[in-house]
């Protein structure tokens, strides 16, 4: 039996995905990150003509940082269809900056069903992170 996310979370993901700007790839994505405080921050992907686009994860992380939060506990990703949409490599590294290897990342479908669940360590094994830079 598949796990389902709460209806309010699904509705917010769908709203964010609807607001994505993806005219070149036609691949709108929405992400919600939950900070350690429990506050949630959403993001949508934004494409531009020169292809240096902003992924939904980067958008959500930026909103979290702007609000003064610095640690991610959970992540939900909704892509354009029922195929599981996991973060790209660049976003996995971004998530690593603000989350532990045990952080849970869930891909959900149109109906709110969790189609994939991974920890960050599973998506980005032996990651380079803040601990690798001596201060």
N, C-alpha and C. Protein backbone atom coordinates (compact mmCIF):
# COMPACT_ATOMS: atom_id res chain seq x y z
N UNK A 1 0.84 -1.18 0.00
CA UNK A 1 0.00 0.00 0.00
C UNK A 1 0.89 1.25 0.00
N UNK A 2 0.56 2.21 -0.85
CA UNK A 2 1.34 3.44 -0.96
C UNK A 2 0.87 4.47 0.05
N UNK A 3 1.82 5.24 0.52
CA UNK A 3 1.55 6.31 1.47
C UNK A 3 1.05 7.53 0.70
N UNK A 4 0.15 8.29 1.32
CA UNK A 4 -0.34 9.52 0.71
C UNK A 4 0.04 10.70 1.60
N UNK A 5 0.31 11.83 0.97
CA UNK A 5 0.61 13.04 1.72
C UNK A 5 -0.69 13.74 2.09
N UNK A 6 -0.62 14.68 3.01
CA UNK A 6 -1.81 15.41 3.44
C UNK A 6 -2.37 16.25 2.27
N UNK A 7 -3.67 16.39 2.22
CA UNK A 7 -4.35 17.08 1.13
C UNK A 7 -3.88 18.52 0.98
N UNK A 8 -3.70 19.24 2.07
CA UNK A 8 -3.27 20.63 2.00
C UNK A 8 -1.88 20.75 1.35
N UNK A 9 -1.00 19.82 1.65
CA UNK A 9 0.34 19.80 1.06
C UNK A 9 0.24 19.54 -0.45
N UNK A 10 -0.59 18.60 -0.85
CA UNK A 10 -0.79 18.30 -2.27
C UNK A 10 -1.34 19.52 -3.01
N UNK A 11 -2.33 20.17 -2.43
CA UNK A 11 -2.92 21.35 -3.07
C UNK A 11 -1.88 22.46 -3.25
N UNK A 12 -1.02 22.64 -2.26
CA UNK A 12 0.01 23.67 -2.37
C UNK A 12 1.04 23.29 -3.44
N UNK A 13 1.41 22.02 -3.52
CA UNK A 13 2.33 21.57 -4.56
C UNK A 13 1.72 21.79 -5.95
N UNK A 14 0.46 21.49 -6.10
CA UNK A 14 -0.20 21.70 -7.40
C UNK A 14 -0.27 23.18 -7.75
N UNK A 15 -0.53 24.03 -6.77
CA UNK A 15 -0.57 25.48 -7.01
C UNK A 15 0.80 25.98 -7.46
N UNK A 16 1.84 25.53 -6.76
CA UNK A 16 3.20 25.93 -7.11
C UNK A 16 3.57 25.44 -8.50
N UNK A 17 3.21 24.21 -8.82
CA UNK A 17 3.53 23.66 -10.14
C UNK A 17 2.81 24.43 -11.24
N UNK A 18 1.57 24.80 -10.97
CA UNK A 18 0.79 25.59 -11.95
C UNK A 18 1.47 26.93 -12.21
N UNK A 19 2.13 27.49 -11.20
CA UNK A 19 2.79 28.78 -11.33
C UNK A 19 4.22 28.68 -11.87
N UNK A 20 4.71 27.47 -12.08
CA UNK A 20 6.06 27.31 -12.64
C UNK A 20 6.12 27.97 -14.01
N UNK A 21 7.31 28.39 -14.37
CA UNK A 21 7.53 29.00 -15.69
C UNK A 21 8.49 28.08 -16.44
N UNK A 22 7.92 27.21 -17.29
CA UNK A 22 8.72 26.20 -17.99
C UNK A 22 8.37 26.16 -19.48
N UNK A 23 8.51 27.29 -20.20
CA UNK A 23 8.11 27.30 -21.61
C UNK A 23 9.04 26.52 -22.54
N UNK A 24 10.26 26.25 -22.12
CA UNK A 24 11.23 25.59 -22.99
C UNK A 24 11.23 24.07 -22.81
N UNK A 25 11.13 23.61 -21.59
CA UNK A 25 11.15 22.17 -21.34
C UNK A 25 9.75 21.58 -21.21
N UNK A 26 8.77 22.41 -20.92
CA UNK A 26 7.42 21.95 -20.61
C UNK A 26 7.47 20.90 -19.50
N UNK A 27 8.31 21.18 -18.51
CA UNK A 27 8.52 20.27 -17.37
C UNK A 27 8.36 21.06 -16.07
N UNK A 28 7.13 21.48 -15.74
CA UNK A 28 6.92 22.25 -14.52
C UNK A 28 7.10 21.38 -13.28
N UNK A 29 7.81 21.92 -12.30
CA UNK A 29 8.09 21.19 -11.07
C UNK A 29 7.80 22.09 -9.88
N UNK A 30 7.27 21.49 -8.83
CA UNK A 30 7.04 22.19 -7.57
C UNK A 30 7.73 21.43 -6.45
N UNK A 31 8.24 22.18 -5.49
CA UNK A 31 8.92 21.59 -4.34
C UNK A 31 8.49 22.32 -3.08
N UNK A 32 8.33 21.57 -2.02
CA UNK A 32 8.16 22.15 -0.70
C UNK A 32 9.24 21.57 0.18
N UNK A 33 9.98 22.46 0.85
CA UNK A 33 10.95 22.03 1.84
C UNK A 33 10.40 22.38 3.21
N UNK A 34 10.59 21.46 4.13
CA UNK A 34 10.19 21.70 5.51
C UNK A 34 11.44 21.93 6.33
N UNK A 35 11.51 23.10 6.95
CA UNK A 35 12.66 23.44 7.78
C UNK A 35 12.61 22.68 9.10
N UNK A 36 13.71 22.68 9.81
CA UNK A 36 13.77 22.00 11.11
C UNK A 36 12.71 22.55 12.07
N UNK A 37 12.34 23.81 11.89
CA UNK A 37 11.33 24.44 12.75
C UNK A 37 9.92 23.94 12.46
N UNK A 38 9.74 23.25 11.33
CA UNK A 38 8.42 22.80 10.91
C UNK A 38 7.77 23.71 9.89
N UNK A 39 8.33 24.90 9.68
CA UNK A 39 7.80 25.81 8.67
C UNK A 39 8.10 25.25 7.28
N UNK A 40 7.17 25.47 6.36
CA UNK A 40 7.32 24.96 5.01
C UNK A 40 7.47 26.10 4.01
N UNK A 41 8.31 25.85 3.01
CA UNK A 41 8.60 26.85 1.99
C UNK A 41 8.50 26.20 0.62
N UNK A 42 7.79 26.87 -0.29
CA UNK A 42 7.56 26.31 -1.60
C UNK A 42 8.37 27.00 -2.67
N UNK A 43 8.56 26.28 -3.77
CA UNK A 43 9.25 26.83 -4.92
C UNK A 43 8.79 26.17 -6.20
N UNK A 44 8.97 26.91 -7.30
CA UNK A 44 8.65 26.43 -8.64
C UNK A 44 9.86 26.65 -9.53
N UNK A 45 10.00 25.84 -10.56
CA UNK A 45 11.11 26.08 -11.48
C UNK A 45 10.79 27.28 -12.38
N UNK A 46 11.86 28.00 -12.74
CA UNK A 46 11.75 29.19 -13.58
C UNK A 46 12.82 29.07 -14.67
N UNK A 47 12.37 28.90 -15.91
CA UNK A 47 13.30 28.78 -17.03
C UNK A 47 13.48 30.13 -17.71
N UNK A 48 14.63 30.32 -18.30
CA UNK A 48 14.90 31.53 -19.08
C UNK A 48 15.55 31.12 -20.40
N UNK A 49 15.50 32.01 -21.37
CA UNK A 49 15.93 31.68 -22.73
C UNK A 49 17.39 31.23 -22.83
N UNK A 50 18.25 31.69 -21.95
CA UNK A 50 19.65 31.28 -22.06
C UNK A 50 19.95 29.99 -21.27
N UNK A 51 18.90 29.33 -20.79
CA UNK A 51 18.96 28.01 -20.16
C UNK A 51 19.67 27.96 -18.82
N UNK A 52 19.94 29.10 -18.22
CA UNK A 52 20.44 29.09 -16.84
C UNK A 52 19.23 29.26 -15.93
N UNK A 53 18.50 28.21 -15.82
CA UNK A 53 17.22 28.24 -15.11
C UNK A 53 17.40 28.03 -13.62
N UNK A 54 16.32 28.26 -12.88
CA UNK A 54 16.29 28.03 -11.44
C UNK A 54 15.37 26.85 -11.18
N UNK A 55 15.90 25.85 -10.57
CA UNK A 55 15.09 24.67 -10.25
C UNK A 55 14.15 24.98 -9.08
N UNK A 56 13.10 24.18 -8.97
CA UNK A 56 12.12 24.37 -7.90
C UNK A 56 12.77 24.23 -6.52
N UNK A 57 13.72 23.29 -6.40
CA UNK A 57 14.40 23.12 -5.11
C UNK A 57 15.17 24.38 -4.73
N UNK A 58 15.88 24.96 -5.70
CA UNK A 58 16.64 26.19 -5.42
C UNK A 58 15.70 27.32 -5.04
N UNK A 59 14.56 27.38 -5.68
CA UNK A 59 13.57 28.40 -5.38
C UNK A 59 13.05 28.25 -3.94
N UNK A 60 12.71 27.03 -3.55
CA UNK A 60 12.20 26.77 -2.20
C UNK A 60 13.27 27.02 -1.15
N UNK A 61 14.50 26.60 -1.43
CA UNK A 61 15.60 26.83 -0.49
C UNK A 61 15.84 28.33 -0.32
N UNK A 62 15.78 29.08 -1.41
CA UNK A 62 15.96 30.53 -1.32
C UNK A 62 14.90 31.17 -0.44
N UNK A 63 13.65 30.73 -0.57
CA UNK A 63 12.57 31.25 0.27
C UNK A 63 12.84 30.91 1.74
N UNK A 64 13.32 29.71 1.99
CA UNK A 64 13.63 29.29 3.36
C UNK A 64 14.75 30.15 3.94
N UNK A 65 15.80 30.35 3.18
CA UNK A 65 16.94 31.15 3.64
C UNK A 65 16.50 32.59 3.89
N UNK A 66 15.70 33.15 2.97
CA UNK A 66 15.22 34.52 3.12
C UNK A 66 14.39 34.70 4.39
N UNK A 67 13.76 33.62 4.85
CA UNK A 67 12.96 33.66 6.07
C UNK A 67 13.80 33.43 7.32
N UNK A 68 15.10 33.21 7.14
CA UNK A 68 15.99 33.05 8.29
C UNK A 68 16.21 31.62 8.74
N UNK A 69 15.69 30.67 8.02
CA UNK A 69 15.89 29.25 8.37
C UNK A 69 17.18 28.75 7.71
N UNK A 70 17.79 27.72 8.29
CA UNK A 70 19.05 27.21 7.75
C UNK A 70 19.15 25.69 7.69
N UNK A 71 18.07 24.99 8.04
CA UNK A 71 18.14 23.53 8.09
C UNK A 71 16.87 22.91 7.53
N UNK A 72 17.03 21.95 6.61
CA UNK A 72 15.89 21.26 5.99
C UNK A 72 15.71 19.90 6.64
N UNK A 73 14.45 19.61 6.96
CA UNK A 73 14.09 18.32 7.55
C UNK A 73 13.51 17.36 6.51
N UNK A 74 12.63 17.87 5.63
CA UNK A 74 11.94 17.03 4.65
C UNK A 74 11.74 17.79 3.35
N UNK A 75 11.55 17.02 2.26
CA UNK A 75 11.34 17.61 0.94
C UNK A 75 10.28 16.80 0.21
N UNK A 76 9.37 17.51 -0.49
CA UNK A 76 8.38 16.88 -1.36
C UNK A 76 8.54 17.47 -2.75
N UNK A 77 8.49 16.61 -3.77
CA UNK A 77 8.66 17.04 -5.16
C UNK A 77 7.47 16.54 -5.99
N UNK A 78 6.87 17.46 -6.76
CA UNK A 78 5.80 17.10 -7.68
C UNK A 78 6.21 17.53 -9.07
N UNK A 79 6.34 16.57 -9.97
CA UNK A 79 6.71 16.85 -11.35
C UNK A 79 5.49 17.00 -12.23
N UNK A 80 5.69 17.02 -13.55
CA UNK A 80 4.59 17.30 -14.47
C UNK A 80 3.65 16.12 -14.74
N UNK A 81 4.01 14.94 -14.31
CA UNK A 81 3.15 13.78 -14.59
C UNK A 81 3.30 12.78 -13.46
N UNK A 82 2.83 11.58 -13.66
CA UNK A 82 2.89 10.58 -12.59
C UNK A 82 4.23 9.86 -12.49
N UNK A 83 5.17 10.20 -13.36
CA UNK A 83 6.51 9.62 -13.28
C UNK A 83 7.24 10.27 -12.10
N UNK A 84 7.90 9.49 -11.24
CA UNK A 84 8.61 10.09 -10.11
C UNK A 84 9.63 11.14 -10.55
N UNK A 85 9.63 12.26 -9.89
CA UNK A 85 10.53 13.37 -10.21
C UNK A 85 11.42 13.60 -8.99
N UNK A 86 12.68 13.23 -9.11
CA UNK A 86 13.62 13.45 -8.01
C UNK A 86 14.52 14.64 -8.36
N UNK A 87 15.15 15.24 -7.36
CA UNK A 87 16.01 16.40 -7.61
C UNK A 87 17.17 16.07 -8.55
N UNK A 88 17.53 17.06 -9.39
CA UNK A 88 18.70 16.90 -10.26
C UNK A 88 19.97 16.90 -9.40
N UNK A 89 21.08 16.60 -10.00
CA UNK A 89 22.35 16.54 -9.27
C UNK A 89 22.71 17.85 -8.59
N UNK A 90 22.52 18.96 -9.30
CA UNK A 90 22.82 20.27 -8.73
C UNK A 90 21.96 20.53 -7.50
N UNK A 91 20.69 20.19 -7.57
CA UNK A 91 19.79 20.41 -6.43
C UNK A 91 20.08 19.45 -5.29
N UNK A 92 20.53 18.27 -5.60
CA UNK A 92 20.93 17.35 -4.53
C UNK A 92 22.05 17.96 -3.72
N UNK A 93 22.99 18.61 -4.41
CA UNK A 93 24.08 19.29 -3.71
C UNK A 93 23.55 20.47 -2.90
N UNK A 94 22.61 21.22 -3.44
CA UNK A 94 22.00 22.33 -2.70
C UNK A 94 21.31 21.81 -1.44
N UNK A 95 20.57 20.72 -1.58
CA UNK A 95 19.89 20.13 -0.42
C UNK A 95 20.90 19.69 0.62
N UNK A 96 22.05 19.17 0.17
CA UNK A 96 23.09 18.72 1.10
C UNK A 96 23.64 19.87 1.94
N UNK A 97 23.67 21.04 1.37
CA UNK A 97 24.16 22.21 2.10
C UNK A 97 23.32 22.49 3.35
N UNK A 98 22.03 22.20 3.27
CA UNK A 98 21.12 22.56 4.35
C UNK A 98 20.42 21.37 5.00
N UNK A 99 20.80 20.15 4.60
CA UNK A 99 20.16 18.98 5.17
C UNK A 99 21.15 17.87 5.45
N UNK A 100 20.80 17.04 6.39
CA UNK A 100 21.63 15.88 6.75
C UNK A 100 21.40 14.75 5.75
N UNK A 101 22.29 13.80 5.75
CA UNK A 101 22.16 12.65 4.86
C UNK A 101 20.90 11.85 5.11
N UNK A 102 20.34 11.96 6.31
CA UNK A 102 19.12 11.23 6.66
C UNK A 102 17.84 11.97 6.26
N UNK A 103 17.98 13.18 5.72
CA UNK A 103 16.82 13.96 5.29
C UNK A 103 16.02 13.15 4.27
N UNK A 104 14.70 13.17 4.40
CA UNK A 104 13.83 12.39 3.52
C UNK A 104 13.33 13.26 2.37
N UNK A 105 13.42 12.71 1.16
CA UNK A 105 12.95 13.37 -0.06
C UNK A 105 11.90 12.45 -0.67
N UNK A 106 10.69 12.98 -0.86
CA UNK A 106 9.60 12.18 -1.39
C UNK A 106 9.11 12.75 -2.72
N UNK A 107 9.04 11.88 -3.72
CA UNK A 107 8.42 12.23 -5.00
C UNK A 107 6.97 11.82 -4.89
N UNK A 108 6.07 12.73 -5.27
CA UNK A 108 4.64 12.44 -5.19
C UNK A 108 4.00 12.58 -6.57
N UNK A 109 2.85 11.93 -6.74
CA UNK A 109 2.13 12.04 -8.01
C UNK A 109 0.92 12.96 -7.87
N UNK A 110 0.17 13.08 -8.93
CA UNK A 110 -1.01 13.94 -9.01
C UNK A 110 -2.02 13.72 -7.89
N UNK A 111 -2.06 12.51 -7.38
CA UNK A 111 -3.07 12.13 -6.40
C UNK A 111 -2.55 12.22 -4.98
N UNK A 112 -1.30 12.65 -4.83
CA UNK A 112 -0.71 12.77 -3.51
C UNK A 112 -0.08 11.48 -3.01
N UNK A 113 0.03 10.51 -3.89
CA UNK A 113 0.66 9.25 -3.51
C UNK A 113 2.18 9.40 -3.59
N UNK A 114 2.86 8.96 -2.57
CA UNK A 114 4.32 8.98 -2.57
C UNK A 114 4.78 7.84 -3.47
N UNK A 115 5.46 8.21 -4.56
CA UNK A 115 5.91 7.20 -5.53
C UNK A 115 7.35 6.77 -5.29
N UNK A 116 8.12 7.62 -4.65
CA UNK A 116 9.50 7.29 -4.29
C UNK A 116 9.86 8.01 -3.00
N UNK A 117 10.58 7.32 -2.14
CA UNK A 117 11.11 7.93 -0.92
C UNK A 117 12.59 7.59 -0.85
N UNK A 118 13.40 8.61 -0.68
CA UNK A 118 14.85 8.42 -0.57
C UNK A 118 15.38 9.30 0.55
N UNK A 119 16.48 8.89 1.11
CA UNK A 119 17.23 9.81 1.96
C UNK A 119 18.21 10.54 1.05
N UNK A 120 18.72 11.64 1.53
CA UNK A 120 19.71 12.37 0.74
C UNK A 120 20.95 11.51 0.52
N UNK A 121 21.35 10.72 1.52
CA UNK A 121 22.50 9.83 1.35
C UNK A 121 22.30 8.85 0.21
N UNK A 122 21.07 8.40 0.00
CA UNK A 122 20.80 7.49 -1.11
C UNK A 122 20.91 8.20 -2.46
N UNK A 123 20.46 9.45 -2.51
CA UNK A 123 20.50 10.20 -3.77
C UNK A 123 21.87 10.81 -4.05
N UNK A 124 22.64 11.05 -2.99
CA UNK A 124 23.94 11.70 -3.14
C UNK A 124 24.95 11.05 -2.18
N UNK A 125 25.34 9.81 -2.48
CA UNK A 125 26.26 9.11 -1.58
C UNK A 125 27.62 9.78 -1.51
N UNK A 126 28.22 9.72 -0.35
CA UNK A 126 29.55 10.29 -0.10
C UNK A 126 29.64 11.73 -0.58
N UNK A 127 28.62 12.51 -0.22
CA UNK A 127 28.50 13.90 -0.66
C UNK A 127 29.60 14.79 -0.10
N UNK A 128 29.96 15.76 -0.89
CA UNK A 128 30.84 16.84 -0.45
C UNK A 128 29.96 17.88 0.20
N UNK A 129 30.27 18.24 1.43
CA UNK A 129 29.44 19.20 2.14
C UNK A 129 30.26 20.14 2.99
N UNK A 130 29.60 20.96 3.77
CA UNK A 130 30.30 21.93 4.61
C UNK A 130 31.39 21.32 5.49
N UNK A 131 31.20 20.07 5.89
CA UNK A 131 32.20 19.41 6.75
C UNK A 131 33.53 19.19 6.01
N UNK A 132 33.53 19.29 4.68
CA UNK A 132 34.74 19.08 3.91
C UNK A 132 35.59 20.34 3.74
N UNK A 133 35.09 21.46 4.22
CA UNK A 133 35.83 22.71 4.09
C UNK A 133 36.25 23.17 5.48
N UNK A 134 37.54 23.16 5.77
CA UNK A 134 37.99 23.60 7.10
C UNK A 134 37.76 25.10 7.27
N UNK A 135 37.25 25.44 8.43
CA UNK A 135 36.99 26.85 8.72
C UNK A 135 38.03 27.41 9.66
